[in-house]
Amino acid sequence: MLALKLTDIKDFMNKLLRSDIFDHFLLQEADILTGASFVIDGHINKDFYSSEELEALGLADHKALPFSMLRTQCFDLIKGKKTPSSFKFIFLLSPDNLSRTLASVQSGYTVSDISGMFLNLRYQNQLLLLTTGVSYTIFSTDKSLEAEWDKLVRRFLTQHEIAFEEAV
């Protein structure tokens, strides 16, 4: 697991909510505390969509909606003159991106071995932290995939000019 402090909060929030940088991640959950508490459960409500709609949207094998489909609602909850008291976003890789990631790091794990590769964002007390995680469907003491995921996340942040430092 990696823990990073995102040092330019304003720049990061603009990139998160006003650009498509995080749009390819699935949003599992968002908790936003402003004048009221808002919880967004990003899990797909399969009863809302027909199977044809899920196929057309490319969501048939997804557990949660892409952030691109929820970003505007998150932005509307956060925008304004006052900073939220706190928020939390839990992102995970889509099945396609999980498969590509496992192939790119030449992992011995299969997609069925992994229940999720996560990015967790938490803002509280004027501190914005990003943590990573890998959730397995099998028992393993091999942590090499977690180390590779941490490297990929650092590279992703650097490529998108997101300032960070190691959290202590």
Protein backbone atom coordinates (compact mmCIF):
# COMPACT_ATOMS: atom_id res chain seq x y z
CA MET A 1 0.00 0.00 0.00
CA LEU A 2 1.16 3.47 -0.91
CA ALA A 3 0.20 6.64 0.98
CA LEU A 4 0.82 9.98 -0.71
CA LYS A 5 0.03 13.53 0.31
CA LEU A 6 -1.27 15.53 -2.64
CA THR A 7 0.38 18.90 -2.13
CA ASP A 8 -1.46 21.22 -4.54
CA ILE A 9 -5.07 20.61 -3.54
CA LYS A 10 -6.61 23.30 -5.76
CA ASP A 11 -4.80 22.05 -8.87
CA PHE A 12 -5.69 18.45 -8.05
CA MET A 13 -9.37 19.24 -7.52
CA ASN A 14 -9.50 21.02 -10.87
CA LYS A 15 -7.96 17.96 -12.53
CA LEU A 16 -10.28 15.59 -10.68
CA LEU A 17 -13.55 17.45 -11.26
CA ARG A 18 -12.97 19.54 -14.39
CA SER A 19 -10.94 17.22 -16.63
CA ASP A 20 -11.21 13.66 -17.87
CA ILE A 21 -8.01 12.44 -16.16
CA PHE A 22 -9.88 10.14 -13.75
CA ASP A 23 -12.81 9.36 -16.05
CA HIS A 24 -11.57 5.87 -16.94
CA PHE A 25 -11.67 4.76 -13.29
CA LEU A 26 -14.84 3.31 -11.83
CA LEU A 27 -16.28 5.20 -8.86
CA GLN A 28 -17.17 2.68 -6.19
CA GLU A 29 -18.12 5.27 -3.60
CA ALA A 30 -17.99 8.98 -2.82
CA ASP A 31 -18.72 10.59 0.55
CA ILE A 32 -18.90 14.38 0.53
CA LEU A 33 -19.51 16.39 3.69
CA THR A 34 -20.57 19.99 3.15
CA GLY A 35 -23.62 21.59 4.79
CA ALA A 36 -25.09 18.10 4.57
CA SER A 37 -23.63 14.66 4.05
CA PHE A 38 -23.85 13.13 0.56
CA VAL A 39 -23.08 9.51 -0.22
CA ILE A 40 -22.82 8.26 -3.79
CA ASP A 41 -22.88 4.51 -4.20
CA GLY A 42 -21.30 4.01 -7.59
CA HIS A 43 -22.37 0.38 -7.92
CA ILE A 44 -24.49 -0.09 -11.01
CA ASN A 45 -28.21 -0.45 -10.39
CA LYS A 46 -28.80 -3.20 -12.95
CA ASP A 47 -32.58 -2.73 -12.64
CA PHE A 48 -32.24 0.81 -14.01
CA TYR A 49 -30.62 -0.27 -17.29
CA SER A 50 -31.74 -2.81 -19.84
CA SER A 51 -29.15 -5.39 -20.87
CA GLU A 52 -28.98 -3.63 -24.26
CA GLU A 53 -28.21 -0.31 -22.56
CA LEU A 54 -25.50 -1.91 -20.42
CA GLU A 55 -23.93 -3.39 -23.55
CA ALA A 56 -24.18 -0.13 -25.50
CA LEU A 57 -22.60 1.81 -22.62
CA GLY A 58 -19.86 -0.81 -22.25
CA LEU A 59 -20.94 -1.53 -18.67
CA ALA A 60 -22.04 -5.15 -18.90
CA ASP A 61 -19.01 -6.46 -16.98
CA HIS A 62 -18.61 -3.48 -14.61
CA LYS A 63 -19.44 -3.44 -10.90
CA ALA A 64 -19.58 0.35 -10.73
CA LEU A 65 -20.15 3.31 -13.02
CA PRO A 66 -17.23 5.10 -14.65
CA PHE A 67 -16.34 8.35 -12.90
CA SER A 68 -17.13 10.11 -16.20
CA MET A 69 -20.83 9.37 -15.59
CA LEU A 70 -20.77 10.81 -12.04
CA ARG A 71 -18.14 13.55 -12.20
CA THR A 72 -20.65 16.37 -12.87
CA GLN A 73 -22.75 15.40 -9.85
CA CYS A 74 -19.62 15.29 -7.65
CA PHE A 75 -18.52 18.68 -8.97
CA ASP A 76 -21.95 20.18 -8.25
CA LEU A 77 -21.77 18.94 -4.64
CA ILE A 78 -18.25 20.32 -4.05
CA LYS A 79 -18.23 23.63 -5.96
CA GLY A 80 -18.81 26.85 -4.13
CA LYS A 81 -17.05 29.37 -1.96
CA LYS A 82 -16.65 27.03 1.01
CA THR A 83 -14.39 24.02 0.96
CA PRO A 84 -16.09 20.75 1.97
CA SER A 85 -15.43 19.67 5.54
CA SER A 86 -14.25 16.34 4.16
CA PHE A 87 -14.65 13.95 1.28
CA LYS A 88 -13.67 10.47 0.25
CA PHE A 89 -13.56 8.92 -3.21
CA ILE A 90 -12.92 5.23 -3.82
CA PHE A 91 -11.86 4.49 -7.41
CA LEU A 92 -11.11 1.11 -8.94
CA LEU A 93 -9.85 -0.16 -12.25
CA SER A 94 -12.40 -1.36 -14.77
CA PRO A 95 -12.15 -5.03 -15.79
CA ASP A 96 -10.45 -4.05 -19.08
CA ASN A 97 -7.92 -1.82 -17.32
CA LEU A 98 -7.33 -4.48 -14.67
CA SER A 99 -6.56 -7.01 -17.39
CA ARG A 100 -4.22 -4.58 -19.19
CA THR A 101 -2.49 -3.69 -15.94
CA LEU A 102 -1.88 -7.33 -15.03
CA ALA A 103 -0.45 -7.93 -18.52
CA SER A 104 1.74 -4.81 -18.46
CA VAL A 105 3.38 -5.75 -15.16
CA GLN A 106 3.64 -9.39 -16.27
CA SER A 107 1.84 -10.56 -13.17
CA GLY A 108 1.16 -14.19 -12.48
CA TYR A 109 -2.27 -13.20 -11.16
CA THR A 110 -5.38 -13.51 -13.29
CA VAL A 111 -8.35 -11.15 -13.39
CA SER A 112 -10.34 -13.68 -11.36
CA ASP A 113 -7.65 -13.56 -8.61
CA ILE A 114 -8.20 -9.83 -8.06
CA SER A 115 -11.42 -8.27 -6.81
CA GLY A 116 -10.08 -4.73 -7.25
CA MET A 117 -7.14 -2.38 -7.63
CA PHE A 118 -8.02 0.82 -5.80
CA LEU A 119 -7.19 4.48 -5.50
CA ASN A 120 -8.59 6.03 -2.33
CA LEU A 121 -8.76 9.80 -1.94
CA ARG A 122 -9.49 11.34 1.45
CA TYR A 123 -9.66 15.04 2.25
CA GLN A 124 -9.90 16.04 5.89
CA ASN A 125 -8.36 18.81 8.04
CA GLN A 126 -6.95 20.57 4.93
CA LEU A 127 -4.99 17.39 4.07
CA LEU A 128 -5.56 15.40 0.87
CA LEU A 129 -4.25 11.84 0.93
CA LEU A 130 -4.18 9.23 -1.81
CA THR A 131 -3.73 5.60 -0.84
CA THR A 132 -3.58 2.54 -3.04
CA GLY A 133 -4.76 -0.97 -2.47
CA VAL A 134 -5.21 -4.34 -4.09
CA SER A 135 -7.98 -6.68 -2.99
CA TYR A 136 -7.57 -10.37 -3.76
CA THR A 137 -10.14 -13.12 -4.16
CA ILE A 138 -7.44 -15.66 -3.22
CA PHE A 139 -4.98 -15.91 -0.35
CA SER A 140 -1.47 -14.86 -1.28
CA THR A 141 1.62 -13.69 0.55
CA ASP A 142 3.09 -12.37 -2.72
CA LYS A 143 2.93 -8.56 -2.61
CA SER A 144 4.68 -7.92 -5.93
CA LEU A 145 1.46 -6.80 -7.62
CA GLU A 146 0.92 -4.17 -4.92
CA ALA A 147 4.46 -2.84 -5.48
CA GLU A 148 3.84 -2.64 -9.24
CA TRP A 149 0.47 -0.92 -8.72
CA ASP A 150 2.17 1.65 -6.48
CA LYS A 151 4.77 2.34 -9.20
CA LEU A 152 2.03 2.75 -11.82
CA VAL A 153 0.11 5.18 -9.60
CA ARG A 154 3.24 7.29 -9.04
CA ARG A 155 3.84 7.33 -12.80
CA PHE A 156 0.19 8.26 -13.47
CA LEU A 157 0.39 11.21 -11.05
CA THR A 158 3.71 12.37 -12.50
CA GLN A 159 2.44 12.14 -16.09
CA HIS A 160 -0.55 14.30 -15.17
CA GLU A 161 1.60 16.78 -13.25
CA ILE A 162 -0.13 16.05 -9.94
CA ALA A 163 2.16 17.17 -7.12
CA PHE A 164 2.67 14.67 -4.31
CA GLU A 165 5.02 13.62 -1.56
CA GLU A 166 5.31 10.51 0.56
CA ALA A 167 2.94 10.64 3.54
CA VAL A 168 4.47 9.97 6.92
